């Protein structure tokens, strides 16, 4: 037992974790893009100024 197998296993483990993180990141980005509302579809807030007509 010189530790080379352990190092290789750890390297494979780290590679697998990195691949899982990348896959999760891509899934999140795809979901965010699917949920995104285009700017053209949003409405602009318009202030309500009716109170000024009620009070001269």
C-alpha atoms as a PDB file:
ATOM      1  CA  UNK A   1       0.000   0.000   0.000  1.00  0.00           C
ATOM      2  CA  UNK A   2       1.961   2.941  -1.239  1.00  0.00           C
ATOM      3  CA  UNK A   3      -1.065   5.230  -1.528  1.00  0.00           C
ATOM      4  CA  UNK A   4      -1.153   5.513  -5.321  1.00  0.00           C
ATOM      5  CA  UNK A   5      -4.534   3.782  -5.560  1.00  0.00           C
ATOM      6  CA  UNK A   6      -5.929   6.100  -2.919  1.00  0.00           C
ATOM      7  CA  UNK A   7      -4.661   9.134  -4.838  1.00  0.00           C
ATOM      8  CA  UNK A   8      -6.181   7.879  -8.079  1.00  0.00           C
ATOM      9  CA  UNK A   9      -9.494   7.202  -6.363  1.00  0.00           C
ATOM     10  CA  UNK A  10      -9.449  10.675  -4.858  1.00  0.00           C
ATOM     11  CA  UNK A  11      -8.646  12.171  -8.249  1.00  0.00           C
ATOM     12  CA  UNK A  12     -11.578  10.311  -9.842  1.00  0.00           C
ATOM     13  CA  UNK A  13     -13.790  11.415  -6.970  1.00  0.00           C
ATOM     14  CA  UNK A  14     -12.776  15.047  -7.415  1.00  0.00           C
ATOM     15  CA  UNK A  15     -13.355  14.793 -11.169  1.00  0.00           C
ATOM     16  CA  UNK A  16     -16.823  13.288 -10.609  1.00  0.00           C
ATOM     17  CA  UNK A  17     -17.722  16.053  -8.130  1.00  0.00           C
ATOM     18  CA  UNK A  18     -16.561  18.721 -10.572  1.00  0.00           C
ATOM     19  CA  UNK A  19     -18.648  17.136 -13.340  1.00  0.00           C
ATOM     20  CA  UNK A  20     -21.702  17.052 -11.039  1.00  0.00           C
ATOM     21  CA  UNK A  21     -21.205  20.709 -10.102  1.00  0.00           C
ATOM     22  CA  UNK A  22     -20.927  21.679 -13.770  1.00  0.00           C
ATOM     23  CA  UNK A  23     -24.075  19.705 -14.640  1.00  0.00           C
ATOM     24  CA  UNK A  24     -25.964  21.339 -11.768  1.00  0.00           C
ATOM     25  CA  UNK A  25     -24.744  24.784 -12.853  1.00  0.00           C
ATOM     26  CA  UNK A  26     -25.954  24.173 -16.397  1.00  0.00           C
ATOM     27  CA  UNK A  27     -29.343  22.936 -15.153  1.00  0.00           C
ATOM     28  CA  UNK A  28     -29.752  26.054 -13.020  1.00  0.00           C
ATOM     29  CA  UNK A  29     -28.829  28.333 -15.922  1.00  0.00           C
ATOM     30  CA  UNK A  30     -31.239  26.531 -18.249  1.00  0.00           C
ATOM     31  CA  UNK A  31     -34.028  26.784 -15.666  1.00  0.00           C
ATOM     32  CA  UNK A  32     -33.315  30.478 -15.062  1.00  0.00           C
ATOM     33  CA  UNK A  33     -33.397  31.144 -18.800  1.00  0.00           C
ATOM     34  CA  UNK A  34     -36.705  29.274 -19.117  1.00  0.00           C
ATOM     35  CA  UNK A  35     -38.211  31.252 -16.198  1.00  0.00           C
ATOM     36  CA  UNK A  36     -36.883  34.613 -17.404  1.00  0.00           C
ATOM     37  CA  UNK A  37     -39.486  37.181 -18.420  1.00  0.00           C
ATOM     38  CA  UNK A  38     -38.384  39.257 -21.424  1.00  0.00           C
ATOM     39  CA  UNK A  39     -38.200  42.998 -20.831  1.00  0.00           C
ATOM     40  CA  UNK A  40     -40.788  43.614 -23.545  1.00  0.00           C
ATOM     41  CA  UNK A  41     -43.328  41.523 -21.595  1.00  0.00           C
ATOM     42  CA  UNK A  42     -43.020  43.524 -18.388  1.00  0.00           C
ATOM     43  CA  UNK A  43     -45.124  46.552 -17.589  1.00  0.00           C
ATOM     44  CA  UNK A  44     -43.781  49.835 -16.406  1.00  0.00           C
ATOM     45  CA  UNK A  45     -44.939  51.157 -13.064  1.00  0.00           C
ATOM     46  CA  UNK A  46     -46.958  54.338 -13.500  1.00  0.00           C
ATOM     47  CA  UNK A  47     -47.395  56.579 -10.462  1.00  0.00           C
ATOM     48  CA  UNK A  48     -50.937  57.106  -9.289  1.00  0.00           C
ATOM     49  CA  UNK A  49     -51.523  60.872  -9.325  1.00  0.00           C
ATOM     50  CA  UNK A  50     -55.275  60.895  -8.789  1.00  0.00           C
ATOM     51  CA  UNK A  51     -54.798  62.255  -5.268  1.00  0.00           C
ATOM     52  CA  UNK A  52     -53.634  65.573  -6.751  1.00  0.00           C
ATOM     53  CA  UNK A  53     -57.003  66.090  -8.458  1.00  0.00           C
ATOM     54  CA  UNK A  54     -58.810  65.524  -5.147  1.00  0.00           C
ATOM     55  CA  UNK A  55     -56.812  68.167  -3.319  1.00  0.00           C
ATOM     56  CA  UNK A  56     -56.453  71.565  -5.032  1.00  0.00           C
END
